[in-house]
Amino acid sequence: DLFLRTSGSYGFDEFRRDPEDSGRGWYSIGHHGAAEFPSFEAALAA
């Protein structure tokens, strides 16, 4: 997921979901969500 924060910065993270955990949904496996980028393009490149 590539996302926009309320601060105006962009970020991304990698997520996984497992069929046996259907009630829990997606969870982070990349742990990249704290990194901040000035644009969508910069976040996508990273």
All heavy atoms as atom14 arrays in JSON, in Angstrom:
{
  "sequence": "DLFLRTSGSYGFDEFRRDPEDSGRGWYSIGHHGAAEFPSFEAALAA",
  "atom14_mask": [
    [1, 1, 1, 1, 1, 1, 1, 1, 0, 0, 0, 0, 0, 0],
    [1, 1, 1, 1, 1, 1, 1, 1, 0, 0, 0, 0, 0, 0],
    [1, 1, 1, 1, 1, 1, 1, 1, 1, 1, 1, 0, 0, 0],
    [1, 1, 1, 1, 1, 1, 1, 1, 0, 0, 0, 0, 0, 0],
    [1, 1, 1, 1, 1, 1, 1, 1, 1, 1, 1, 0, 0, 0],
    [1, 1, 1, 1, 1, 1, 1, 0, 0, 0, 0, 0, 0, 0],
    [1, 1, 1, 1, 1, 1, 0, 0, 0, 0, 0, 0, 0, 0],
    [1, 1, 1, 1, 0, 0, 0, 0, 0, 0, 0, 0, 0, 0],
    [1, 1, 1, 1, 1, 1, 0, 0, 0, 0, 0, 0, 0, 0],
    [1, 1, 1, 1, 1, 1, 1, 1, 1, 1, 1, 1, 0, 0],
    [1, 1, 1, 1, 0, 0, 0, 0, 0, 0, 0, 0, 0, 0],
    [1, 1, 1, 1, 1, 1, 1, 1, 1, 1, 1, 0, 0, 0],
    [1, 1, 1, 1, 1, 1, 1, 1, 0, 0, 0, 0, 0, 0],
    [1, 1, 1, 1, 1, 1, 1, 1, 1, 0, 0, 0, 0, 0],
    [1, 1, 1, 1, 1, 1, 1, 1, 1, 1, 1, 0, 0, 0],
    [1, 1, 1, 1, 1, 1, 1, 1, 1, 1, 1, 0, 0, 0],
    [1, 1, 1, 1, 1, 1, 1, 1, 1, 1, 1, 0, 0, 0],
    [1, 1, 1, 1, 1, 1, 1, 1, 0, 0, 0, 0, 0, 0],
    [1, 1, 1, 1, 1, 1, 1, 0, 0, 0, 0, 0, 0, 0],
    [1, 1, 1, 1, 1, 1, 1, 1, 1, 0, 0, 0, 0, 0],
    [1, 1, 1, 1, 1, 1, 1, 1, 0, 0, 0, 0, 0, 0],
    [1, 1, 1, 1, 1, 1, 0, 0, 0, 0, 0, 0, 0, 0],
    [1, 1, 1, 1, 0, 0, 0, 0, 0, 0, 0, 0, 0, 0],
    [1, 1, 1, 1, 1, 1, 1, 1, 1, 1, 1, 0, 0, 0],
    [1, 1, 1, 1, 0, 0, 0, 0, 0, 0, 0, 0, 0, 0],
    [1, 1, 1, 1, 1, 1, 1, 1, 1, 1, 1, 1, 1, 1],
    [1, 1, 1, 1, 1, 1, 1, 1, 1, 1, 1, 1, 0, 0],
    [1, 1, 1, 1, 1, 1, 0, 0, 0, 0, 0, 0, 0, 0],
    [1, 1, 1, 1, 1, 1, 1, 1, 0, 0, 0, 0, 0, 0],
    [1, 1, 1, 1, 0, 0, 0, 0, 0, 0, 0, 0, 0, 0],
    [1, 1, 1, 1, 1, 1, 1, 1, 1, 1, 0, 0, 0, 0],
    [1, 1, 1, 1, 1, 1, 1, 1, 1, 1, 0, 0, 0, 0],
    [1, 1, 1, 1, 0, 0, 0, 0, 0, 0, 0, 0, 0, 0],
    [1, 1, 1, 1, 1, 0, 0, 0, 0, 0, 0, 0, 0, 0],
    [1, 1, 1, 1, 1, 0, 0, 0, 0, 0, 0, 0, 0, 0],
    [1, 1, 1, 1, 1, 1, 1, 1, 1, 0, 0, 0, 0, 0],
    [1, 1, 1, 1, 1, 1, 1, 1, 1, 1, 1, 0, 0, 0],
    [1, 1, 1, 1, 1, 1, 1, 0, 0, 0, 0, 0, 0, 0],
    [1, 1, 1, 1, 1, 1, 0, 0, 0, 0, 0, 0, 0, 0],
    [1, 1, 1, 1, 1, 1, 1, 1, 1, 1, 1, 0, 0, 0],
    [1, 1, 1, 1, 1, 1, 1, 1, 1, 0, 0, 0, 0, 0],
    [1, 1, 1, 1, 1, 0, 0, 0, 0, 0, 0, 0, 0, 0],
    [1, 1, 1, 1, 1, 0, 0, 0, 0, 0, 0, 0, 0, 0],
    [1, 1, 1, 1, 1, 1, 1, 1, 0, 0, 0, 0, 0, 0],
    [1, 1, 1, 1, 1, 0, 0, 0, 0, 0, 0, 0, 0, 0],
    [1, 1, 1, 1, 1, 0, 0, 0, 0, 0, 0, 0, 0, 0]
  ],
  "atom14_positions": [
    [[0.85, -1.19, 0.0], [0.0, 0.0, 0.0], [0.89, 1.24, 0.0], [1.83, 1.33, 0.79], [-0.89, 0.05, 1.25], [-2.07, -0.91, 1.18], [-2.29, -1.52, 0.11], [-2.77, -1.04, 2.19], [0.0, 0.0, 0.0], [0.0, 0.0, 0.0], [0.0, 0.0, 0.0], [0.0, 0.0, 0.0], [0.0, 0.0, 0.0], [0.0, 0.0, 0.0]],
    [[0.57, 2.18, -0.87], [1.2, 3.49, -0.88], [0.16, 4.46, -0.35], [-0.98, 4.46, -0.81], [1.65, 3.86, -2.29], [2.76, 2.95, -2.78], [2.34, 2.24, -4.03], [4.03, 3.72, -2.96], [0.0, 0.0, 0.0], [0.0, 0.0, 0.0], [0.0, 0.0, 0.0], [0.0, 0.0, 0.0], [0.0, 0.0, 0.0], [0.0, 0.0, 0.0]],
    [[0.54, 5.26, 0.63], [-0.45, 6.06, 1.32], [0.02, 7.5, 1.56], [1.2, 7.81, 1.52], [-0.84, 5.41, 2.65], [0.32, 5.08, 3.54], [0.85, 6.03, 4.4], [0.88, 3.82, 3.53], [1.92, 5.72, 5.23], [1.95, 3.5, 4.35], [2.47, 4.46, 5.2], [0.0, 0.0, 0.0], [0.0, 0.0, 0.0], [0.0, 0.0, 0.0]],
    [[-0.97, 8.35, 1.82], [-0.77, 9.76, 2.15], [-1.15, 9.96, 3.61], [-2.22, 9.54, 4.04], [-1.65, 10.63, 1.26], [-1.68, 12.13, 1.54], [-0.31, 12.76, 1.34], [-2.73, 12.8, 0.65], [0.0, 0.0, 0.0], [0.0, 0.0, 0.0], [0.0, 0.0, 0.0], [0.0, 0.0, 0.0], [0.0, 0.0, 0.0], [0.0, 0.0, 0.0]],
    [[-0.24, 10.59, 4.36], [-0.52, 10.91, 5.76], [-1.2, 12.27, 5.87], [-1.12, 13.08, 4.95], [0.79, 10.96, 6.56], [1.5, 9.65, 6.66], [2.76, 9.82, 7.54], [3.49, 8.58, 7.6], [4.41, 8.21, 6.72], [4.73, 8.99, 5.72], [5.02, 7.05, 6.86], [0.0, 0.0, 0.0], [0.0, 0.0, 0.0], [0.0, 0.0, 0.0]],
    [[-1.81, 12.53, 7.0], [-2.45, 13.83, 7.22], [-1.41, 14.95, 7.24], [-1.74, 16.1, 6.97], [-3.25, 13.85, 8.54], [-2.38, 13.51, 9.62], [-4.41, 12.87, 8.49], [0.0, 0.0, 0.0], [0.0, 0.0, 0.0], [0.0, 0.0, 0.0], [0.0, 0.0, 0.0], [0.0, 0.0, 0.0], [0.0, 0.0, 0.0], [0.0, 0.0, 0.0]],
    [[-0.14, 14.62, 7.49], [0.94, 15.62, 7.49], [1.32, 16.05, 6.07], [2.06, 17.02, 5.89], [2.19, 15.05, 8.17], [2.72, 13.98, 7.4], [0.0, 0.0, 0.0], [0.0, 0.0, 0.0], [0.0, 0.0, 0.0], [0.0, 0.0, 0.0], [0.0, 0.0, 0.0], [0.0, 0.0, 0.0], [0.0, 0.0, 0.0], [0.0, 0.0, 0.0]],
    [[0.84, 15.3, 5.07], [1.19, 15.6, 3.68], [2.33, 14.76, 3.15], [2.65, 14.83, 1.97], [0.0, 0.0, 0.0], [0.0, 0.0, 0.0], [0.0, 0.0, 0.0], [0.0, 0.0, 0.0], [0.0, 0.0, 0.0], [0.0, 0.0, 0.0], [0.0, 0.0, 0.0], [0.0, 0.0, 0.0], [0.0, 0.0, 0.0], [0.0, 0.0, 0.0]],
    [[2.96, 13.97, 4.0], [4.03, 13.08, 3.54], [3.42, 11.77, 3.05], [2.28, 11.44, 3.37], [5.04, 12.83, 4.65], [4.47, 12.05, 5.69], [0.0, 0.0, 0.0], [0.0, 0.0, 0.0], [0.0, 0.0, 0.0], [0.0, 0.0, 0.0], [0.0, 0.0, 0.0], [0.0, 0.0, 0.0], [0.0, 0.0, 0.0], [0.0, 0.0, 0.0]],
    [[4.2, 11.04, 2.29], [3.77, 9.76, 1.73], [4.57, 8.64, 2.36], [5.66, 8.85, 2.88], [3.97, 9.75, 0.22], [3.03, 10.67, -0.5], [3.3, 12.03, -0.61], [1.86, 10.19, -1.07], [2.44, 12.89, -1.26], [0.99, 11.04, -1.73], [1.28, 12.39, -1.81], [0.41, 13.22, -2.45], [0.0, 0.0, 0.0], [0.0, 0.0, 0.0]],
    [[4.03, 7.44, 2.28], [4.72, 6.27, 2.79], [4.22, 5.02, 2.09], [3.34, 5.07, 1.24], [0.0, 0.0, 0.0], [0.0, 0.0, 0.0], [0.0, 0.0, 0.0], [0.0, 0.0, 0.0], [0.0, 0.0, 0.0], [0.0, 0.0, 0.0], [0.0, 0.0, 0.0], [0.0, 0.0, 0.0], [0.0, 0.0, 0.0], [0.0, 0.0, 0.0]],
    [[4.82, 3.9, 2.47], [4.4, 2.61, 1.93], [4.66, 1.53, 2.96], [5.46, 1.71, 3.88], [5.14, 2.27, 0.62], [6.57, 1.86, 0.82], [6.91, 0.53, 0.96], [7.58, 2.81, 0.87], [8.24, 0.15, 1.14], [8.9, 2.45, 1.04], [9.24, 1.1, 1.18], [0.0, 0.0, 0.0], [0.0, 0.0, 0.0], [0.0, 0.0, 0.0]],
    [[3.99, 0.41, 2.8], [4.27, -0.76, 3.6], [3.82, -1.99, 2.85], [2.97, -1.91, 1.95], [3.61, -0.7, 4.98], [4.35, -1.54, 6.02], [5.31, -2.26, 5.65], [3.99, -1.46, 7.2], [0.0, 0.0, 0.0], [0.0, 0.0, 0.0], [0.0, 0.0, 0.0], [0.0, 0.0, 0.0], [0.0, 0.0, 0.0], [0.0, 0.0, 0.0]],
    [[4.41, -3.13, 3.19], [4.06, -4.41, 2.6], [3.22, -5.19, 3.62], [3.56, -5.23, 4.8], [5.33, -5.18, 2.27], [5.09, -6.49, 1.55], [6.39, -7.2, 1.17], [7.44, -6.9, 1.76], [6.32, -8.06, 0.28], [0.0, 0.0, 0.0], [0.0, 0.0, 0.0], [0.0, 0.0, 0.0], [0.0, 0.0, 0.0], [0.0, 0.0, 0.0]],
    [[2.14, -5.78, 3.14], [1.2, -6.48, 4.01], [0.94, -7.9, 3.5], [1.13, -8.19, 2.33], [-0.15, -5.75, 4.04], [-0.07, -4.38, 4.65], [0.17, -3.27, 3.84], [-0.2, -4.19, 6.01], [0.24, -2.01, 4.39], [-0.13, -2.93, 6.57], [0.1, -1.84, 5.76], [0.0, 0.0, 0.0], [0.0, 0.0, 0.0], [0.0, 0.0, 0.0]],
    [[0.47, -8.74, 4.41], [0.12, -10.12, 4.1], [-1.2, -10.47, 4.79], [-1.5, -9.95, 5.85], [1.21, -11.06, 4.61], [0.91, -12.53, 4.39], [2.03, -13.41, 4.93], [1.67, -14.8, 4.75], [1.96, -15.53, 3.68], [2.66, -15.0, 2.71], [1.58, -16.79, 3.6], [0.0, 0.0, 0.0], [0.0, 0.0, 0.0], [0.0, 0.0, 0.0]],
    [[-1.94, -11.37, 4.17], [-3.11, -11.96, 4.82], [-3.09, -13.45, 4.54], [-2.65, -13.9, 3.49], [-4.41, -11.34, 4.34], [-4.77, -11.65, 2.92], [-6.11, -11.07, 2.56], [-6.32, -11.19, 1.12], [-7.36, -10.74, 0.49], [-8.3, -10.13, 1.17], [-7.49, -10.9, -0.8], [0.0, 0.0, 0.0], [0.0, 0.0, 0.0], [0.0, 0.0, 0.0]],
    [[-3.56, -14.21, 5.5], [-3.58, -15.65, 5.38], [-5.01, -16.14, 5.39], [-5.83, -15.65, 6.18], [-2.81, -16.3, 6.54], [-1.34, -15.92, 6.52], [-0.74, -15.94, 5.43], [-0.78, -15.61, 7.59], [0.0, 0.0, 0.0], [0.0, 0.0, 0.0], [0.0, 0.0, 0.0], [0.0, 0.0, 0.0], [0.0, 0.0, 0.0], [0.0, 0.0, 0.0]],
    [[-5.36, -17.08, 4.52], [-6.76, -17.56, 4.45], [-7.28, -18.06, 5.79], [-8.44, -17.84, 6.13], [-6.71, -18.69, 3.42], [-5.41, -18.57, 2.72], [-4.5, -17.77, 3.58], [0.0, 0.0, 0.0], [0.0, 0.0, 0.0], [0.0, 0.0, 0.0], [0.0, 0.0, 0.0], [0.0, 0.0, 0.0], [0.0, 0.0, 0.0], [0.0, 0.0, 0.0]],
    [[-6.42, -18.71, 6.56], [-6.87, -19.26, 7.85], [-7.11, -18.17, 8.9], [-7.71, -18.41, 9.93], [-5.88, -20.3, 8.38], [-4.49, -19.76, 8.65], [-3.55, -19.81, 7.46], [-3.99, -20.02, 6.31], [-2.35, -19.61, 7.67], [0.0, 0.0, 0.0], [0.0, 0.0, 0.0], [0.0, 0.0, 0.0], [0.0, 0.0, 0.0], [0.0, 0.0, 0.0]],
    [[-6.64, -16.96, 8.63], [-6.83, -15.82, 9.54], [-7.81, -14.81, 8.95], [-7.65, -13.61, 9.12], [-5.49, -15.13, 9.81], [-4.54, -15.98, 10.61], [-5.02, -16.86, 11.34], [-3.33, -15.77, 10.5], [0.0, 0.0, 0.0], [0.0, 0.0, 0.0], [0.0, 0.0, 0.0], [0.0, 0.0, 0.0], [0.0, 0.0, 0.0], [0.0, 0.0, 0.0]],
    [[-8.84, -15.28, 8.29], [-9.75, -14.4, 7.55], [-10.36, -13.3, 8.42], [-10.66, -12.23, 7.93], [-10.84, -15.2, 6.86], [-11.62, -15.89, 7.83], [0.0, 0.0, 0.0], [0.0, 0.0, 0.0], [0.0, 0.0, 0.0], [0.0, 0.0, 0.0], [0.0, 0.0, 0.0], [0.0, 0.0, 0.0], [0.0, 0.0, 0.0], [0.0, 0.0, 0.0]],
    [[-10.52, -13.53, 9.68], [-11.11, -12.53, 10.55], [-10.16, -11.41, 10.95], [-10.58, -10.36, 11.41], [0.0, 0.0, 0.0], [0.0, 0.0, 0.0], [0.0, 0.0, 0.0], [0.0, 0.0, 0.0], [0.0, 0.0, 0.0], [0.0, 0.0, 0.0], [0.0, 0.0, 0.0], [0.0, 0.0, 0.0], [0.0, 0.0, 0.0], [0.0, 0.0, 0.0]],
    [[-8.89, -11.63, 10.77], [-7.89, -10.64, 11.21], [-7.46, -9.67, 10.13], [-6.93, -8.62, 10.41], [-6.67, -11.35, 11.76], [-6.98, -12.11, 13.02], [-5.74, -12.69, 13.6], [-6.08, -13.99, 14.17], [-5.21, -14.84, 14.61], [-3.94, -14.56, 14.55], [-5.59, -15.99, 15.11], [0.0, 0.0, 0.0], [0.0, 0.0, 0.0], [0.0, 0.0, 0.0]],
    [[-7.62, -10.03, 8.87], [-7.26, -9.14, 7.78], [-5.77, -9.08, 7.51], [-5.04, -10.02, 7.76], [0.0, 0.0, 0.0], [0.0, 0.0, 0.0], [0.0, 0.0, 0.0], [0.0, 0.0, 0.0], [0.0, 0.0, 0.0], [0.0, 0.0, 0.0], [0.0, 0.0, 0.0], [0.0, 0.0, 0.0], [0.0, 0.0, 0.0], [0.0, 0.0, 0.0]],
    [[-5.33, -7.93, 7.02], [-3.94, -7.72, 6.59], [-3.07, -7.34, 7.78], [-3.5, -6.63, 8.67], [-3.89, -6.61, 5.57], [-4.61, -6.92, 4.29], [-5.92, -6.64, 4.02], [-4.08, -7.54, 3.13], [-6.23, -7.06, 2.75], [-5.12, -7.62, 2.17], [-2.83, -8.04, 2.8], [-4.94, -8.16, 0.92], [-2.64, -8.59, 1.53], [-3.7, -8.64, 0.61]],
    [[-1.81, -7.77, 7.75], [-0.84, -7.34, 8.77], [0.5, -7.03, 8.09], [0.84, -7.59, 7.05], [-0.68, -8.39, 9.87], [-0.25, -9.75, 9.42], [1.1, -10.1, 9.37], [-1.19, -10.7, 9.03], [1.5, -11.36, 8.94], [-0.8, -11.95, 8.61], [0.55, -12.28, 8.57], [0.94, -13.51, 8.14], [0.0, 0.0, 0.0], [0.0, 0.0, 0.0]],
    [[1.23, -6.1, 8.66], [2.5, -5.65, 8.09], [3.55, -6.75, 8.17], [3.76, -7.35, 9.22], [2.99, -4.41, 8.83], [4.28, -4.04, 8.34], [0.0, 0.0, 0.0], [0.0, 0.0, 0.0], [0.0, 0.0, 0.0], [0.0, 0.0, 0.0], [0.0, 0.0, 0.0], [0.0, 0.0, 0.0], [0.0, 0.0, 0.0], [0.0, 0.0, 0.0]],
    [[4.21, -6.97, 7.04], [5.36, -7.87, 7.03], [6.63, -7.11, 6.63], [7.72, -7.62, 6.75], [5.15, -9.09, 6.12], [4.91, -8.67, 4.67], [4.04, -9.97, 6.65], [4.91, -9.82, 3.67], [0.0, 0.0, 0.0], [0.0, 0.0, 0.0], [0.0, 0.0, 0.0], [0.0, 0.0, 0.0], [0.0, 0.0, 0.0], [0.0, 0.0, 0.0]],
    [[6.45, -5.9, 6.13], [7.6, -5.12, 5.68], [8.11, -4.16, 6.73], [9.29, -3.86, 6.81], [0.0, 0.0, 0.0], [0.0, 0.0, 0.0], [0.0, 0.0, 0.0], [0.0, 0.0, 0.0], [0.0, 0.0, 0.0], [0.0, 0.0, 0.0], [0.0, 0.0, 0.0], [0.0, 0.0, 0.0], [0.0, 0.0, 0.0], [0.0, 0.0, 0.0]],
    [[7.18, -3.66, 7.53], [7.51, -2.7, 8.59], [8.25, -1.47, 8.04], [9.22, -1.0, 8.63], [8.29, -3.38, 9.72], [7.6, -4.6, 10.23], [6.43, -4.54, 10.96], [7.88, -5.92, 10.07], [6.04, -5.77, 11.25], [6.9, -6.62, 10.72], [0.0, 0.0, 0.0], [0.0, 0.0, 0.0], [0.0, 0.0, 0.0], [0.0, 0.0, 0.0]],
    [[7.76, -0.96, 6.9], [8.34, 0.22, 6.27], [7.47, 1.46, 6.47], [7.78, 2.53, 5.96], [8.5, 0.0, 4.76], [9.26, -1.23, 4.4], [10.6, -1.38, 4.66], [8.86, -2.39, 3.82], [11.0, -2.58, 4.25], [9.96, -3.21, 3.73], [0.0, 0.0, 0.0], [0.0, 0.0, 0.0], [0.0, 0.0, 0.0], [0.0, 0.0, 0.0]],
    [[6.38, 1.32, 7.2], [5.38, 2.37, 7.3], [5.83, 3.67, 7.94], [5.2, 4.7, 7.76], [0.0, 0.0, 0.0], [0.0, 0.0, 0.0], [0.0, 0.0, 0.0], [0.0, 0.0, 0.0], [0.0, 0.0, 0.0], [0.0, 0.0, 0.0], [0.0, 0.0, 0.0], [0.0, 0.0, 0.0], [0.0, 0.0, 0.0], [0.0, 0.0, 0.0]],
    [[6.92, 3.67, 8.67], [7.38, 4.88, 9.33], [8.2, 5.8, 8.42], [8.33, 6.99, 8.7], [8.2, 4.54, 10.57], [0.0, 0.0, 0.0], [0.0, 0.0, 0.0], [0.0, 0.0, 0.0], [0.0, 0.0, 0.0], [0.0, 0.0, 0.0], [0.0, 0.0, 0.0], [0.0, 0.0, 0.0], [0.0, 0.0, 0.0], [0.0, 0.0, 0.0]],
    [[8.72, 5.26, 7.33], [9.53, 6.07, 6.41], [8.65, 7.11, 5.74], [7.51, 6.83, 5.36], [10.19, 5.17, 5.37], [0.0, 0.0, 0.0], [0.0, 0.0, 0.0], [0.0, 0.0, 0.0], [0.0, 0.0, 0.0], [0.0, 0.0, 0.0], [0.0, 0.0, 0.0], [0.0, 0.0, 0.0], [0.0, 0.0, 0.0], [0.0, 0.0, 0.0]],
    [[9.16, 8.32, 5.6], [8.39, 9.42, 5.02], [9.05, 9.9, 3.73], [10.27, 10.0, 3.64], [8.3, 10.58, 6.01], [7.51, 10.23, 7.25], [7.29, 11.43, 8.16], [7.38, 12.57, 7.69], [7.03, 11.2, 9.34], [0.0, 0.0, 0.0], [0.0, 0.0, 0.0], [0.0, 0.0, 0.0], [0.0, 0.0, 0.0], [0.0, 0.0, 0.0]],
    [[8.19, 10.23, 2.75], [8.66, 10.68, 1.44], [7.87, 11.92, 1.04], [6.7, 12.06, 1.39], [8.47, 9.56, 0.41], [9.18, 8.3, 0.8], [8.52, 7.32, 1.53], [10.51, 8.12, 0.49], [9.18, 6.17, 1.93], [11.17, 6.97, 0.88], [10.52, 6.0, 1.6], [0.0, 0.0, 0.0], [0.0, 0.0, 0.0], [0.0, 0.0, 0.0]],
    [[8.51, 12.83, 0.28], [7.84, 14.09, -0.05], [6.78, 13.99, -1.14], [5.97, 14.89, -1.31], [9.0, 14.98, -0.53], [10.02, 14.01, -1.05], [9.89, 12.79, -0.18], [0.0, 0.0, 0.0], [0.0, 0.0, 0.0], [0.0, 0.0, 0.0], [0.0, 0.0, 0.0], [0.0, 0.0, 0.0], [0.0, 0.0, 0.0], [0.0, 0.0, 0.0]],
    [[6.78, 12.87, -1.88], [5.81, 12.72, -2.97], [5.43, 11.25, -3.14], [6.14, 10.34, -2.68], [6.41, 13.23, -4.3], [7.47, 12.38, -4.72], [0.0, 0.0, 0.0], [0.0, 0.0, 0.0], [0.0, 0.0, 0.0], [0.0, 0.0, 0.0], [0.0, 0.0, 0.0], [0.0, 0.0, 0.0], [0.0, 0.0, 0.0], [0.0, 0.0, 0.0]],
    [[4.32, 11.05, -3.84], [3.89, 9.69, -4.17], [4.96, 8.99, -4.99], [5.28, 7.82, -4.75], [2.55, 9.74, -4.93], [2.14, 8.4, -5.45], [1.47, 7.5, -4.64], [2.43, 8.02, -6.76], [1.09, 6.25, -5.11], [2.05, 6.77, -7.24], [1.38, 5.89, -6.4], [0.0, 0.0, 0.0], [0.0, 0.0, 0.0], [0.0, 0.0, 0.0]],
    [[5.52, 9.7, -5.96], [6.53, 9.12, -6.84], [7.76, 8.67, -6.07], [8.34, 7.62, -6.36], [6.92, 10.12, -7.94], [5.82, 10.42, -8.93], [4.75, 11.4, -8.42], [4.94, 12.02, -7.35], [3.72, 11.52, -9.09], [0.0, 0.0, 0.0], [0.0, 0.0, 0.0], [0.0, 0.0, 0.0], [0.0, 0.0, 0.0], [0.0, 0.0, 0.0]],
    [[8.18, 9.45, -5.08], [9.34, 9.09, -4.26], [9.03, 7.85, -3.41], [9.88, 6.96, -3.26], [9.75, 10.25, -3.37], [0.0, 0.0, 0.0], [0.0, 0.0, 0.0], [0.0, 0.0, 0.0], [0.0, 0.0, 0.0], [0.0, 0.0, 0.0], [0.0, 0.0, 0.0], [0.0, 0.0, 0.0], [0.0, 0.0, 0.0], [0.0, 0.0, 0.0]],
    [[7.82, 7.78, -2.88], [7.42, 6.6, -2.09], [7.36, 5.37, -2.98], [7.82, 4.29, -2.58], [6.07, 6.84, -1.42], [0.0, 0.0, 0.0], [0.0, 0.0, 0.0], [0.0, 0.0, 0.0], [0.0, 0.0, 0.0], [0.0, 0.0, 0.0], [0.0, 0.0, 0.0], [0.0, 0.0, 0.0], [0.0, 0.0, 0.0], [0.0, 0.0, 0.0]],
    [[6.83, 5.49, -4.18], [6.76, 4.36, -5.11], [8.15, 3.9, -5.51], [8.42, 2.69, -5.53], [5.94, 4.74, -6.35], [5.8, 3.66, -7.42], [5.16, 2.39, -6.86], [5.01, 4.19, -8.61], [0.0, 0.0, 0.0], [0.0, 0.0, 0.0], [0.0, 0.0, 0.0], [0.0, 0.0, 0.0], [0.0, 0.0, 0.0], [0.0, 0.0, 0.0]],
    [[9.06, 4.82, -5.8], [10.43, 4.45, -6.15], [11.11, 3.72, -5.0], [11.78, 2.7, -5.21], [11.22, 5.69, -6.55], [0.0, 0.0, 0.0], [0.0, 0.0, 0.0], [0.0, 0.0, 0.0], [0.0, 0.0, 0.0], [0.0, 0.0, 0.0], [0.0, 0.0, 0.0], [0.0, 0.0, 0.0], [0.0, 0.0, 0.0], [0.0, 0.0, 0.0]],
    [[10.93, 4.21, -3.78], [11.53, 3.55, -2.61], [10.93, 2.17, -2.41], [11.64, 1.22, -2.08], [11.33, 4.41, -1.37], [0.0, 0.0, 0.0], [0.0, 0.0, 0.0], [0.0, 0.0, 0.0], [0.0, 0.0, 0.0], [0.0, 0.0, 0.0], [0.0, 0.0, 0.0], [0.0, 0.0, 0.0], [0.0, 0.0, 0.0], [0.0, 0.0, 0.0]]
  ]
}
